[in-house]
Protein backbone atom coordinates (compact mmCIF):
# COMPACT_ATOMS: atom_id res chain seq x y z
CA MET A 1 16.44 88.20 72.38
CA ASN A 2 19.48 90.35 73.11
CA GLN A 3 18.85 93.78 74.56
CA SER A 4 21.35 96.24 75.95
CA VAL A 5 20.79 98.62 78.81
CA SER A 6 19.89 102.14 77.75
CA SER A 7 21.46 105.02 79.12
CA THR A 8 6.31 99.01 96.25
CA ILE A 9 5.08 94.47 97.13
CA SER A 10 2.93 94.34 100.28
CA ARG A 11 3.67 90.86 101.44
CA ARG A 12 2.77 88.24 104.01
CA THR A 13 5.81 86.19 103.17
CA LEU A 14 9.17 87.22 101.75
CA THR A 15 12.14 84.89 101.92
CA ARG A 16 15.59 86.27 101.26
CA GLY A 17 18.94 84.67 100.66
CA ALA A 18 22.46 85.80 99.87
CA LEU A 19 24.41 85.92 96.64
CA TRP A 20 27.12 83.28 96.74
CA ALA A 21 29.24 81.57 94.09
CA ALA A 22 26.13 79.59 93.12
CA PRO A 23 22.54 80.81 92.61
CA VAL A 24 20.87 81.17 96.01
CA VAL A 25 18.65 84.26 96.07
CA MET A 26 14.90 83.99 95.83
CA ALA A 27 11.87 85.95 96.86
CA THR A 28 8.29 84.81 97.23
CA SER A 29 5.39 86.92 98.26
CA ALA A 30 1.86 86.17 99.34
CA VAL A 31 -0.78 88.85 98.97
CA PRO A 32 -3.86 89.42 101.11
CA ALA A 33 -7.13 88.43 99.52
CA TYR A 34 -10.87 88.85 99.90
CA SER A 35 -14.18 87.57 98.58
CA VAL A 36 -17.84 88.22 99.31
CA SER A 37 -18.54 84.57 100.18
CA GLN A 38 -15.22 83.25 101.49
CA PRO A 39 -11.67 84.54 101.62
CA LEU A 40 -9.54 84.15 98.53
CA ARG A 41 -5.79 84.10 98.53
CA TYR A 42 -3.35 84.18 95.62
CA GLU A 43 0.43 84.26 95.76
CA LEU A 44 2.96 85.92 93.51
CA SER A 45 5.82 83.43 93.32
CA THR A 46 9.26 84.44 92.01
CA SER A 47 12.84 83.22 91.91
CA TRP A 48 15.67 85.75 91.82
CA HIS A 49 19.25 84.64 92.01
CA GLY A 50 22.75 85.37 90.82
CA ARG A 51 26.35 84.40 91.11
CA THR A 52 29.92 85.50 90.88
CA TYR A 53 32.21 82.98 89.26
CA GLY A 54 35.68 82.55 87.84
CA PHE A 55 37.39 83.20 91.20
CA GLN A 56 41.10 83.77 90.55
CA GLY A 57 42.42 84.56 93.99
CA GLN A 58 42.78 87.56 96.26
CA CYS A 59 43.78 90.77 94.48
CA SER A 60 44.30 92.81 97.67
CA PRO A 61 43.50 92.40 101.38
CA GLY A 62 39.74 92.01 101.73
CA PHE A 63 39.20 91.87 97.94
CA ASN A 64 38.85 88.94 95.54
CA PHE A 65 39.23 88.79 91.77
CA HIS A 66 35.98 87.67 90.11
CA PRO A 67 35.86 88.33 86.36
CA ASN A 68 32.24 87.16 85.97
CA LEU A 69 28.88 88.18 87.45
CA ASP A 70 25.37 87.31 86.36
CA PHE A 71 21.74 87.52 87.50
CA HIS A 72 19.05 85.09 86.36
CA THR A 73 15.49 84.16 87.25
CA ASP A 74 15.28 80.96 85.19
CA ILE A 75 15.88 78.45 87.99
CA SER A 76 13.28 77.42 90.55
CA ILE A 77 14.46 77.82 94.14
CA ASP A 78 12.66 75.98 96.94
CA GLY A 79 9.69 75.36 94.68
CA ALA A 80 9.16 79.00 93.68
CA ALA A 81 8.32 79.72 90.05
CA PRO A 82 11.23 80.37 87.69
CA GLY A 83 10.75 83.93 86.51
CA PHE A 84 7.37 84.52 88.14
CA GLY A 85 3.96 82.94 88.41
CA PHE A 86 0.71 83.21 90.37
CA ARG A 87 -0.68 80.47 92.56
CA ALA A 88 -3.98 79.78 94.29
CA ALA A 89 -3.51 79.33 98.05
CA ASP A 90 -5.63 78.35 101.07
CA SER A 91 -8.06 76.28 98.97
CA SER A 92 -8.85 79.21 96.67
CA PRO A 93 -10.03 78.08 93.23
CA GLU A 94 -7.73 78.14 90.23
CA ALA A 95 -8.22 81.33 88.23
CA THR A 96 -7.27 83.32 85.17
CA VAL A 97 -4.83 86.12 86.01
CA THR A 98 -4.63 89.42 84.14
CA LEU A 99 -1.36 91.22 84.66
CA GLY A 100 -1.34 95.00 84.94
CA LEU A 101 2.40 95.36 85.45
CA ILE A 102 5.34 93.63 87.01
CA GLU A 103 8.90 94.80 87.25
CA PHE A 104 12.10 93.83 88.97
CA ALA A 105 14.82 96.34 89.87
CA LEU A 106 18.44 95.64 90.69
CA ALA A 107 20.59 98.21 92.51
CA MET A 108 24.34 97.64 92.41
CA PRO A 109 27.09 99.82 93.92
CA GLN A 110 27.61 102.79 91.62
CA GLY A 111 30.09 102.18 88.82
CA TYR A 112 30.49 98.45 89.40
CA ILE A 113 28.50 97.27 86.36
CA GLU A 114 29.89 98.49 83.05
CA SER A 115 27.20 96.91 80.87
CA LEU A 116 24.19 94.70 81.48
CA ASN A 117 22.50 92.92 78.56
CA LEU A 118 19.18 91.10 78.60
CA THR A 119 19.69 87.88 76.64
CA HIS A 120 16.39 86.13 77.40
CA GLY A 121 12.93 87.17 78.61
CA ASP A 122 10.09 89.45 77.55
CA TYR A 123 11.26 92.59 79.34
CA ARG A 124 12.22 96.17 78.60
CA LEU A 125 15.53 96.78 80.34
CA THR A 126 16.53 100.31 81.30
CA LYS A 127 19.08 101.95 83.52
CA GLN A 128 17.68 104.60 85.85
CA ALA A 129 19.10 107.98 84.85
CA ASP A 130 19.52 109.30 88.37
CA THR A 131 21.74 107.81 91.03
CA GLU A 132 19.74 106.06 93.76
CA TYR A 133 20.92 106.64 97.33
CA ILE A 134 20.04 103.73 99.59
CA ASP A 135 21.10 103.83 103.23
CA GLY A 136 23.28 106.79 102.30
CA SER A 137 25.29 105.01 99.57
CA PRO A 138 25.08 105.58 95.78
CA PHE A 139 23.72 102.80 93.55
CA ASP A 140 23.09 102.27 89.85
CA VAL A 141 19.58 100.90 89.26
CA PHE A 142 18.61 98.54 86.43
CA ILE A 143 14.88 98.00 85.86
CA PHE A 144 13.35 94.93 84.17
CA ARG A 145 9.76 95.75 83.17
CA PHE A 146 7.75 92.84 81.81
CA THR A 147 6.31 93.49 78.34
CA GLY A 148 5.05 90.03 77.42
CA ARG A 149 1.79 88.14 77.68
CA THR A 150 -0.80 89.75 79.96
CA VAL A 151 -3.12 86.77 80.65
CA ALA A 152 -2.24 83.34 82.07
CA GLN A 153 -3.55 80.77 84.53
CA THR A 154 -2.71 80.04 88.16
CA THR A 155 -2.18 76.45 86.96
CA ASP A 156 0.77 77.63 84.85
CA TYR A 157 3.97 76.80 86.72
CA THR A 158 5.73 79.86 85.33
CA TRP A 159 4.37 82.85 83.41
CA PRO A 160 5.32 82.55 79.71
CA GLY A 161 8.29 84.75 78.83
CA SER A 162 9.02 85.67 82.46
CA GLN A 163 12.41 84.04 82.88
CA ILE A 164 15.35 86.46 82.78
CA LYS A 165 18.88 85.75 81.60
CA THR A 166 21.58 88.41 81.47
CA ALA A 167 25.14 89.01 80.37
CA ILE A 168 27.16 91.42 82.52
CA THR A 169 30.57 93.03 82.28
CA THR A 170 32.05 94.77 85.30
CA SER A 171 34.28 97.82 85.38
CA ASN A 172 36.27 96.51 88.33
CA THR A 173 36.49 92.77 88.86
CA CYS A 174 38.56 93.17 92.03
CA ILE A 175 35.57 93.25 94.38
CA PRO A 176 35.20 93.37 98.16
CA GLN A 177 34.76 89.99 99.80
CA GLU A 178 31.57 91.37 101.33
CA PHE A 179 29.25 94.08 100.03
CA SER A 180 25.53 94.49 99.50
CA TYR A 181 23.17 95.02 96.61
CA TYR A 182 19.42 95.67 96.63
CA TYR A 183 16.44 94.55 94.59
CA TYR A 184 12.69 95.08 94.57
CA ILE A 185 9.63 93.49 92.99
CA SER A 186 6.51 95.46 92.07
CA ALA A 187 3.30 94.03 90.61
CA GLU A 188 -0.36 94.78 89.88
CA TYR A 189 -2.77 92.06 88.80
CA SER A 190 -6.31 90.73 89.05
CA THR A 191 -8.18 87.45 88.67
CA ASP A 192 -11.40 86.58 86.88
CA ASN A 193 -13.11 85.85 90.24
CA GLY A 194 -12.69 89.38 91.59
CA PHE A 195 -9.33 89.38 93.37
CA ARG A 196 -7.01 92.35 92.91
CA GLY A 197 -3.40 92.56 94.01
CA SER A 198 -1.15 95.62 94.17
CA ASP A 199 2.23 94.79 95.65
CA ASP A 200 5.54 96.51 96.25
CA SER A 201 8.43 94.99 98.21
CA GLY A 202 10.46 98.17 98.62
CA TRP A 203 14.24 97.83 98.50
CA ILE A 204 15.46 94.49 99.89
CA LYS A 205 19.07 94.38 101.03
CA THR A 206 21.02 91.29 100.07
CA ASP A 207 24.61 90.53 100.96
CA MET A 208 26.93 89.41 98.21
CA THR A 209 29.64 87.08 99.41
CA SER A 210 32.45 86.21 97.06
């Protein structure tokens, strides 16, 4: 599919990386669990990564010329699910998962992204109408809300339709050698053996290095 842009996870584990010239950013989260007889534990596993590419030299002191930028979730990083998936952990039994909601949000420095198109994945992509101020700086926020299949198994390596691919154009390809963007992951889900998860990562700062 090709969709254009119009107009928080409690976690035990969250691993962050940086955005380099090759995909390197991923996040995984493990949620607390409970059961009447013995503890259950299920993990939300995700891969989130991006890259700048097409480096054509320094355009001014402290700035590099990068004509291309993209964000994808279709590659597994360190064993995490491409897109997203749910896994049984700590000897918990495999289960059927029912998804209430899951969304990813990307916050980039205001005005940097001119257009962002969703080219693959079962998501509704929107641009937040209001400017988001994070740590005192203005950001444009792009939200990927999953609209696909609502039931899958913990044995599924990746949730069907969950892998994101994008096409991005930037308004200014002369970018600082170092600046930060933010993302978050939010999810609600349950299993057929009584587990419920409600997770929100809050904004996670990630350094982009060109």
